[in-house]
C-alpha atoms as a PDB file:
ATOM      1  CA  MET A   1    -215.949  10.815 142.347  1.00  0.00           C
ATOM      2  CA  SER A   2    -212.104  10.826 142.681  1.00  0.00           C
ATOM      3  CA  ARG A   3    -210.069  13.847 141.360  1.00  0.00           C
ATOM      4  CA  ILE A   4    -208.076  12.621 138.422  1.00  0.00           C
ATOM      5  CA  SER A   5    -205.292  14.821 137.060  1.00  0.00           C
ATOM      6  CA  VAL A   6    -205.921  15.996 133.547  1.00  0.00           C
ATOM      7  CA  ARG A   7    -201.970  16.185 132.944  1.00  0.00           C
ATOM      8  CA  GLY A   8    -202.185  12.539 131.672  1.00  0.00           C
ATOM      9  CA  PHE A   9    -205.123  13.209 129.256  1.00  0.00           C
ATOM     10  CA  ALA A  10    -203.809  16.653 128.239  1.00  0.00           C
ATOM     11  CA  VAL A  11    -200.630  15.140 126.504  1.00  0.00           C
ATOM     12  CA  ALA A  12    -202.854  13.212 124.315  1.00  0.00           C
ATOM     13  CA  SER A  13    -203.988  15.860 122.212  1.00  0.00           C
ATOM     14  CA  ALA A  14    -202.852  19.495 121.553  1.00  0.00           C
ATOM     15  CA  THR A  15    -206.408  20.351 120.588  1.00  0.00           C
ATOM     16  CA  ALA A  16    -207.826  18.775 123.803  1.00  0.00           C
ATOM     17  CA  VAL A  17    -205.346  20.613 125.864  1.00  0.00           C
ATOM     18  CA  THR A  18    -206.146  24.038 124.327  1.00  0.00           C
ATOM     19  CA  THR A  19    -210.005  23.446 124.744  1.00  0.00           C
ATOM     20  CA  VAL A  20    -209.634  22.385 128.346  1.00  0.00           C
ATOM     21  CA  GLY A  21    -207.324  25.289 129.037  1.00  0.00           C
ATOM     22  CA  ALA A  22    -209.539  27.783 127.566  1.00  0.00           C
ATOM     23  CA  VAL A  23    -212.580  26.429 129.664  1.00  0.00           C
ATOM     24  CA  VAL A  24    -210.630  26.617 132.955  1.00  0.00           C
ATOM     25  CA  GLY A  25    -209.228  30.007 132.053  1.00  0.00           C
ATOM     26  CA  VAL A  26    -212.724  31.480 131.628  1.00  0.00           C
ATOM     27  CA  ALA A  27    -213.962  29.825 134.863  1.00  0.00           C
ATOM     28  CA  SER A  28    -211.034  31.169 136.884  1.00  0.00           C
ATOM     29  CA  GLY A  29    -211.417  34.639 135.454  1.00  0.00           C
ATOM     30  CA  ALA A  30    -208.419  34.611 133.188  1.00  0.00           C
ATOM     31  CA  GLN A  31    -208.402  36.686 130.139  1.00  0.00           C
ATOM     32  CA  PRO A  32    -209.673  35.004 126.926  1.00  0.00           C
ATOM     33  CA  GLY A  33    -207.063  34.289 124.299  1.00  0.00           C
ATOM     34  CA  SER A  34    -204.064  34.051 126.965  1.00  0.00           C
ATOM     35  CA  VAL A  35    -202.606  30.785 125.647  1.00  0.00           C
ATOM     36  CA  ALA A  36    -199.869  30.557 128.268  1.00  0.00           C
ATOM     37  CA  ASN A  37    -202.216  31.000 131.239  1.00  0.00           C
ATOM     38  CA  THR A  38    -204.800  28.584 129.581  1.00  0.00           C
ATOM     39  CA  GLU A  39    -202.183  25.897 129.132  1.00  0.00           C
ATOM     40  CA  ALA A  40    -200.600  26.434 132.561  1.00  0.00           C
ATOM     41  CA  THR A  41    -204.021  26.218 134.181  1.00  0.00           C
ATOM     42  CA  ALA A  42    -204.889  23.216 132.101  1.00  0.00           C
ATOM     43  CA  ALA A  43    -201.828  21.393 133.316  1.00  0.00           C
ATOM     44  CA  ASP A  44    -202.966  21.705 136.943  1.00  0.00           C
ATOM     45  CA  ALA A  45    -206.535  21.157 136.378  1.00  0.00           C
ATOM     46  CA  THR A  46    -208.553  18.129 137.464  1.00  0.00           C
ATOM     47  CA  ILE A  47    -211.515  16.316 135.791  1.00  0.00           C
ATOM     48  CA  ALA A  48    -213.686  17.696 138.539  1.00  0.00           C
ATOM     49  CA  ASP A  49    -212.633  21.372 137.445  1.00  0.00           C
ATOM     50  CA  ILE A  50    -213.790  20.783 133.987  1.00  0.00           C
ATOM     51  CA  PRO A  51    -217.274  21.141 132.839  1.00  0.00           C
ATOM     52  CA  ALA A  52    -218.979  17.652 132.007  1.00  0.00           C
ATOM     53  CA  GLY A  53    -218.909  18.369 128.210  1.00  0.00           C
ATOM     54  CA  GLN A  54    -215.292  18.975 127.939  1.00  0.00           C
ATOM     55  CA  GLN A  55    -214.493  15.983 130.305  1.00  0.00           C
ATOM     56  CA  ALA A  56    -215.883  13.745 127.491  1.00  0.00           C
ATOM     57  CA  GLN A  57    -213.704  15.410 124.893  1.00  0.00           C
ATOM     58  CA  VAL A  58    -210.531  15.221 127.002  1.00  0.00           C
ATOM     59  CA  GLU A  59    -211.218  11.487 127.796  1.00  0.00           C
ATOM     60  CA  THR A  60    -211.974  10.759 124.016  1.00  0.00           C
ATOM     61  CA  ALA A  61    -208.864  12.354 122.947  1.00  0.00           C
ATOM     62  CA  SER A  62    -206.721  10.452 125.530  1.00  0.00           C
ATOM     63  CA  LEU A  63    -208.261   7.170 124.624  1.00  0.00           C
ATOM     64  CA  VAL A  64    -207.752   7.757 120.719  1.00  0.00           C
ATOM     65  CA  GLN A  65    -204.040   8.751 121.446  1.00  0.00           C
ATOM     66  CA  GLN A  66    -203.548   5.664 123.385  1.00  0.00           C
ATOM     67  CA  ALA A  67    -205.034   3.398 120.829  1.00  0.00           C
ATOM     68  CA  ASP A  68    -202.929   5.320 118.195  1.00  0.00           C
ATOM     69  CA  ASP A  69    -199.739   4.554 120.193  1.00  0.00           C
ATOM     70  CA  GLN A  70    -200.658   1.068 120.589  1.00  0.00           C
ATOM     71  CA  SER A  71    -201.244   0.650 117.029  1.00  0.00           C
ATOM     72  CA  THR A  72    -197.957   2.362 116.179  1.00  0.00           C
ATOM     73  CA  GLN A  73    -196.186   0.088 118.415  1.00  0.00           C
ATOM     74  CA  ALA A  74    -197.910  -3.104 117.011  1.00  0.00           C
ATOM     75  CA  ASP A  75    -196.945  -1.971 113.600  1.00  0.00           C
ATOM     76  CA  ALA A  76    -193.424  -1.214 114.281  1.00  0.00           C
ATOM     77  CA  ALA A  77    -192.989  -4.815 116.098  1.00  0.00           C
ATOM     78  CA  ALA A  78    -194.538  -6.357 112.955  1.00  0.00           C
ATOM     79  CA  LEU A  79    -192.440  -4.532 110.430  1.00  0.00           C
ATOM     80  CA  LYS A  80    -189.286  -5.512 112.634  1.00  0.00           C
ATOM     81  CA  SER A  81    -190.367  -9.040 112.494  1.00  0.00           C
ATOM     82  CA  ALA A  82    -190.994  -8.966 108.951  1.00  0.00           C
ATOM     83  CA  GLN A  83    -187.715  -7.456 108.212  1.00  0.00           C
ATOM     84  CA  GLU A  84    -185.877 -10.040 110.301  1.00  0.00           C
ATOM     85  CA  GLU A  85    -187.885 -12.900 108.480  1.00  0.00           C
ATOM     86  CA  ALA A  86    -186.911 -11.314 105.195  1.00  0.00           C
ATOM     87  CA  ARG A  87    -183.081 -10.970 106.213  1.00  0.00           C
ATOM     88  CA  LYS A  88    -183.053 -14.804 107.268  1.00  0.00           C
ATOM     89  CA  ALA A  89    -184.743 -15.830 104.097  1.00  0.00           C
ATOM     90  CA  ALA A  90    -182.174 -13.791 102.129  1.00  0.00           C
ATOM     91  CA  ALA A  91    -179.321 -15.411 103.936  1.00  0.00           C
ATOM     92  CA  GLN A  92    -180.605 -18.923 103.469  1.00  0.00           C
ATOM     93  CA  SER A  93    -181.397 -18.225  99.647  1.00  0.00           C
ATOM     94  CA  ALA A  94    -177.604 -16.940  99.289  1.00  0.00           C
ATOM     95  CA  GLN A  95    -176.255 -20.021 101.277  1.00  0.00           C
ATOM     96  CA  ASP A  96    -178.409 -22.527  99.199  1.00  0.00           C
ATOM     97  CA  LYS A  97    -177.326 -20.756  95.754  1.00  0.00           C
ATOM     98  CA  LYS A  98    -173.527 -20.974  97.252  1.00  0.00           C
ATOM     99  CA  ASP A  99    -173.847 -24.646  98.175  1.00  0.00           C
ATOM    100  CA  ALA A 100    -175.439 -25.463  94.750  1.00  0.00           C
ATOM    101  CA  ALA A 101    -172.742 -23.718  92.771  1.00  0.00           C
ATOM    102  CA  GLU A 102    -169.941 -25.398  94.834  1.00  0.00           C
ATOM    103  CA  LYS A 103    -171.637 -28.708  94.139  1.00  0.00           C
ATOM    104  CA  GLN A 104    -172.003 -28.133  90.618  1.00  0.00           C
ATOM    105  CA  LEU A 105    -168.226 -27.013  90.356  1.00  0.00           C
ATOM    106  CA  LYS A 106    -167.271 -30.110  92.327  1.00  0.00           C
ATOM    107  CA  ALA A 107    -169.293 -32.320  89.678  1.00  0.00           C
ATOM    108  CA  GLU A 108    -167.908 -30.712  86.753  1.00  0.00           C
ATOM    109  CA  LYS A 109    -164.345 -31.187  88.354  1.00  0.00           C
ATOM    110  CA  GLU A 110    -164.897 -34.873  88.849  1.00  0.00           C
ATOM    111  CA  ALA A 111    -166.316 -35.166  85.401  1.00  0.00           C
ATOM    112  CA  LYS A 112    -163.202 -33.594  83.852  1.00  0.00           C
ATOM    113  CA  GLU A 113    -160.980 -35.771  85.902  1.00  0.00           C
ATOM    114  CA  ARG A 114    -162.860 -39.093  84.797  1.00  0.00           C
ATOM    115  CA  GLU A 115    -162.675 -38.048  81.192  1.00  0.00           C
ATOM    116  CA  LYS A 116    -158.860 -37.140  81.670  1.00  0.00           C
ATOM    117  CA  LEU A 117    -158.362 -40.713  83.233  1.00  0.00           C
ATOM    118  CA  GLN A 118    -160.484 -42.367  80.651  1.00  0.00           C
ATOM    119  CA  THR A 119    -158.420 -40.616  77.808  1.00  0.00           C
ATOM    120  CA  GLN A 120    -155.167 -41.641  79.309  1.00  0.00           C
ATOM    121  CA  ALA A 121    -156.451 -45.184  80.021  1.00  0.00           C
ATOM    122  CA  ALA A 122    -157.672 -45.701  76.415  1.00  0.00           C
ATOM    123  CA  SER A 123    -154.383 -44.210  74.918  1.00  0.00           C
ATOM    124  CA  ARG A 124    -152.219 -46.794  77.223  1.00  0.00           C
ATOM    125  CA  SER A 125    -154.538 -49.486  76.275  1.00  0.00           C
ATOM    126  CA  GLU A 126    -154.091 -48.760  72.455  1.00  0.00           C
ATOM    127  CA  ASP A 127    -150.268 -48.425  72.906  1.00  0.00           C
ATOM    128  CA  ARG A 128    -150.171 -51.724  74.715  1.00  0.00           C
ATOM    129  CA  GLY A 129    -152.641 -53.321  72.621  1.00  0.00           C
ATOM    130  CA  SER A 130    -150.435 -52.857  69.507  1.00  0.00           C
ATOM    131  CA  LEU A 131    -147.472 -54.953  71.124  1.00  0.00           C
ATOM    132  CA  ASP A 132    -145.967 -57.541  69.099  1.00  0.00           C
ATOM    133  CA  ILE A 133    -147.210 -60.584  71.071  1.00  0.00           C
ATOM    134  CA  ALA A 134    -146.468 -63.904  69.468  1.00  0.00           C
ATOM    135  CA  VAL A 135    -149.536 -66.045  68.770  1.00  0.00           C
ATOM    136  CA  LYS A 136    -149.484 -69.682  69.986  1.00  0.00           C
ATOM    137  CA  ALA A 137    -151.865 -72.608  69.960  1.00  0.00           C
ATOM    138  CA  SER A 138    -152.411 -72.292  73.848  1.00  0.00           C
ATOM    139  CA  TYR A 139    -151.177 -70.043  76.681  1.00  0.00           C
ATOM    140  CA  THR A 140    -150.293 -70.815  80.225  1.00  0.00           C
ATOM    141  CA  ILE A 141    -151.833 -68.587  83.028  1.00  0.00           C
ATOM    142  CA  ALA A 142    -148.376 -67.055  83.669  1.00  0.00           C
ATOM    143  CA  GLU A 143    -148.112 -66.138  80.054  1.00  0.00           C
ATOM    144  CA  THR A 144    -151.580 -64.716  79.901  1.00  0.00           C
ATOM    145  CA  GLN A 145    -151.001 -62.616  83.032  1.00  0.00           C
ATOM    146  CA  ALA A 146    -147.676 -61.574  81.580  1.00  0.00           C
ATOM    147  CA  MET A 147    -149.700 -60.233  78.603  1.00  0.00           C
ATOM    148  CA  ALA A 148    -152.101 -58.454  80.788  1.00  0.00           C
ATOM    149  CA  ARG A 149    -149.194 -56.689  82.658  1.00  0.00           C
ATOM    150  CA  GLN A 150    -147.617 -55.435  79.366  1.00  0.00           C
ATOM    151  CA  MET A 151    -151.126 -53.937  78.197  1.00  0.00           C
ATOM    152  CA  MET A 152    -152.262 -51.867  81.135  1.00  0.00           C
ATOM    153  CA  PRO A 153    -150.866 -49.590  83.682  1.00  0.00           C
ATOM    154  CA  ALA A 154    -148.987 -51.240  86.484  1.00  0.00           C
ATOM    155  CA  ASP A 155    -151.499 -49.822  89.170  1.00  0.00           C
ATOM    156  CA  GLN A 156    -154.454 -51.216  87.428  1.00  0.00           C
ATOM    157  CA  PHE A 157    -153.117 -54.841  86.856  1.00  0.00           C
ATOM    158  CA  GLN A 158    -154.228 -56.114  90.311  1.00  0.00           C
ATOM    159  CA  CYS A 159    -157.780 -54.780  89.905  1.00  0.00           C
ATOM    160  CA  PHE A 160    -157.993 -56.380  86.578  1.00  0.00           C
ATOM    161  CA  SER A 161    -156.656 -59.542  87.933  1.00  0.00           C
ATOM    162  CA  ASN A 162    -159.180 -59.690  90.850  1.00  0.00           C
ATOM    163  CA  ILE A 163    -161.978 -59.580  88.227  1.00  0.00           C
ATOM    164  CA  VAL A 164    -160.479 -62.121  85.916  1.00  0.00           C
ATOM    165  CA  ASP A 165    -159.785 -64.299  89.004  1.00  0.00           C
ATOM    166  CA  HIS A 166    -163.523 -64.273  89.786  1.00  0.00           C
ATOM    167  CA  GLU A 167    -164.758 -64.490  86.218  1.00  0.00           C
ATOM    168  CA  SER A 168    -162.826 -67.109  84.752  1.00  0.00           C
ATOM    169  CA  GLY A 169    -159.781 -68.129  86.866  1.00  0.00           C
ATOM    170  CA  TRP A 170    -157.625 -66.811  84.039  1.00  0.00           C
ATOM    171  CA  ASN A 171    -158.882 -69.498  81.572  1.00  0.00           C
ATOM    172  CA  TYR A 172    -159.278 -67.723  78.242  1.00  0.00           C
ATOM    173  CA  ARG A 173    -161.396 -70.541  76.993  1.00  0.00           C
ATOM    174  CA  ALA A 174    -163.870 -70.508  79.937  1.00  0.00           C
ATOM    175  CA  THR A 175    -167.514 -70.653  79.050  1.00  0.00           C
ATOM    176  CA  ASN A 176    -170.718 -70.076  81.128  1.00  0.00           C
ATOM    177  CA  ALA A 177    -172.962 -72.728  80.186  1.00  0.00           C
ATOM    178  CA  GLY A 178    -175.955 -70.796  81.459  1.00  0.00           C
ATOM    179  CA  SER A 179    -175.450 -67.520  79.874  1.00  0.00           C
ATOM    180  CA  GLY A 180    -172.850 -68.191  77.152  1.00  0.00           C
ATOM    181  CA  ALA A 181    -170.481 -65.606  78.471  1.00  0.00           C
ATOM    182  CA  TYR A 182    -167.022 -66.319  77.289  1.00  0.00           C
ATOM    183  CA  GLY A 183    -163.291 -65.853  77.753  1.00  0.00           C
ATOM    184  CA  LEU A 184    -161.026 -64.287  80.534  1.00  0.00           C
ATOM    185  CA  VAL A 185    -163.473 -61.438  81.343  1.00  0.00           C
ATOM    186  CA  GLN A 186    -166.721 -63.304  80.388  1.00  0.00           C
ATOM    187  CA  ALA A 187    -167.905 -61.151  77.647  1.00  0.00           C
ATOM    188  CA  LEU A 188    -171.731 -61.637  77.023  1.00  0.00           C
ATOM    189  CA  PRO A 189    -172.019 -62.555  74.315  1.00  0.00           C
ATOM    190  CA  GLY A 190    -168.348 -63.593  73.641  1.00  0.00           C
ATOM    191  CA  SER A 191    -168.743 -62.360  70.099  1.00  0.00           C
ATOM    192  CA  LYS A 192    -168.554 -58.509  71.382  1.00  0.00           C
ATOM    193  CA  MET A 193    -164.831 -59.321  71.619  1.00  0.00           C
ATOM    194  CA  ALA A 194    -164.560 -59.418  67.896  1.00  0.00           C
ATOM    195  CA  SER A 195    -164.224 -55.759  67.807  1.00  0.00           C
ATOM    196  CA  ALA A 196    -160.890 -56.255  69.297  1.00  0.00           C
ATOM    197  CA  GLY A 197    -159.809 -58.943  66.909  1.00  0.00           C
ATOM    198  CA  ALA A 198    -161.112 -61.844  64.729  1.00  0.00           C
ATOM    199  CA  ASP A 199    -159.061 -64.269  67.176  1.00  0.00           C
ATOM    200  CA  TRP A 200    -161.001 -63.368  70.137  1.00  0.00           C
ATOM    201  CA  ARG A 201    -161.907 -67.039  70.882  1.00  0.00           C
ATOM    202  CA  THR A 202    -158.306 -68.276  71.123  1.00  0.00           C
ATOM    203  CA  ASN A 203    -156.061 -65.233  71.762  1.00  0.00           C
ATOM    204  CA  PRO A 204    -155.818 -63.925  75.324  1.00  0.00           C
ATOM    205  CA  ALA A 205    -154.252 -60.718  74.224  1.00  0.00           C
ATOM    206  CA  THR A 206    -157.271 -59.898  72.073  1.00  0.00           C
ATOM    207  CA  GLN A 207    -159.578 -60.753  75.057  1.00  0.00           C
ATOM    208  CA  ILE A 208    -157.500 -58.543  77.463  1.00  0.00           C
ATOM    209  CA  LYS A 209    -157.634 -55.670  74.926  1.00  0.00           C
ATOM    210  CA  TRP A 210    -161.357 -55.805  74.737  1.00  0.00           C
ATOM    211  CA  GLY A 211    -161.792 -56.271  78.476  1.00  0.00           C
ATOM    212  CA  LEU A 212    -159.378 -53.401  79.343  1.00  0.00           C
ATOM    213  CA  GLY A 213    -161.434 -51.158  76.832  1.00  0.00           C
ATOM    214  CA  TYR A 214    -164.706 -52.090  78.323  1.00  0.00           C
ATOM    215  CA  MET A 215    -163.621 -51.412  81.795  1.00  0.00           C
ATOM    216  CA  ASN A 216    -162.147 -47.957  80.999  1.00  0.00           C
ATOM    217  CA  ASP A 217    -165.287 -46.961  78.974  1.00  0.00           C
ATOM    218  CA  ARG A 218    -167.830 -47.830  81.517  1.00  0.00           C
ATOM    219  CA  TYR A 219    -166.026 -47.426  84.868  1.00  0.00           C
ATOM    220  CA  GLY A 220    -162.970 -45.193  84.066  1.00  0.00           C
ATOM    221  CA  SER A 221    -160.519 -47.961  84.781  1.00  0.00           C
ATOM    222  CA  PRO A 222    -160.122 -51.485  85.949  1.00  0.00           C
ATOM    223  CA  CYS A 223    -159.946 -50.353  89.578  1.00  0.00           C
ATOM    224  CA  GLY A 224    -163.314 -48.593  88.963  1.00  0.00           C
ATOM    225  CA  ALA A 225    -164.740 -51.745  87.559  1.00  0.00           C
ATOM    226  CA  TRP A 226    -163.379 -53.689  90.373  1.00  0.00           C
ATOM    227  CA  SER A 227    -164.950 -51.348  93.106  1.00  0.00           C
ATOM    228  CA  PHE A 228    -168.438 -51.825  91.291  1.00  0.00           C
ATOM    229  CA  TRP A 229    -167.820 -55.617  91.155  1.00  0.00           C
ATOM    230  CA  GLN A 230    -167.059 -55.817  94.824  1.00  0.00           C
ATOM    231  CA  ALA A 231    -170.432 -54.097  95.583  1.00  0.00           C
ATOM    232  CA  ASN A 232    -172.623 -55.864  93.033  1.00  0.00           C
ATOM    233  CA  SER A 233    -170.716 -59.226  92.221  1.00  0.00           C
ATOM    234  CA  TRP A 234    -170.876 -58.331  88.593  1.00  0.00           C
ATOM    235  CA  TYR A 235    -169.526 -55.601  86.375  1.00  0.00           C
END
């Protein structure tokens, strides 16, 4: 049997060290109760110098200590991993909340801006809709377009014109035989335009007023309506 140093086993358990030292001390003739002599002797002793019964105690104490150390290390590693995962989860949660708040703020800002534009457009439409435009038996395309220019912001006319070009070609009496849509903006049914004036069948100004109000209410502006029309070929 090889002679294995007790030093590695002795550090595992203070109780085991004291026990081994006491045994070795007695065997070597040292005075019982001398702790210093016992510990010094135990540190230099070997398994072969210890009685068989005490060898088992030392080995058991060492194995228990090693198992405890490994368990402690494993627990520490698991705790560190759990803390890191918790930190990452907390950071992600904070970022998600920040992104959601920014998105909500942006949506609210855009909604307020749309509301502001709609209010301004409605106000302009009302002001221009009240212009004194001479009533005639018929109107040329140029006259009808001139009315439209007077009744809406300059930066919205081209978008309005693009829609009317596609819908009626600026013919205020245009009728869709299939659907019954009527007028410059092809209101469906045409009688909807009565809300802008009883002369909706024959007065381009009435049709423009109604069409402008419809575009502002539904799309925010004629240019908003034109963007939708381009994507869908209707509005």
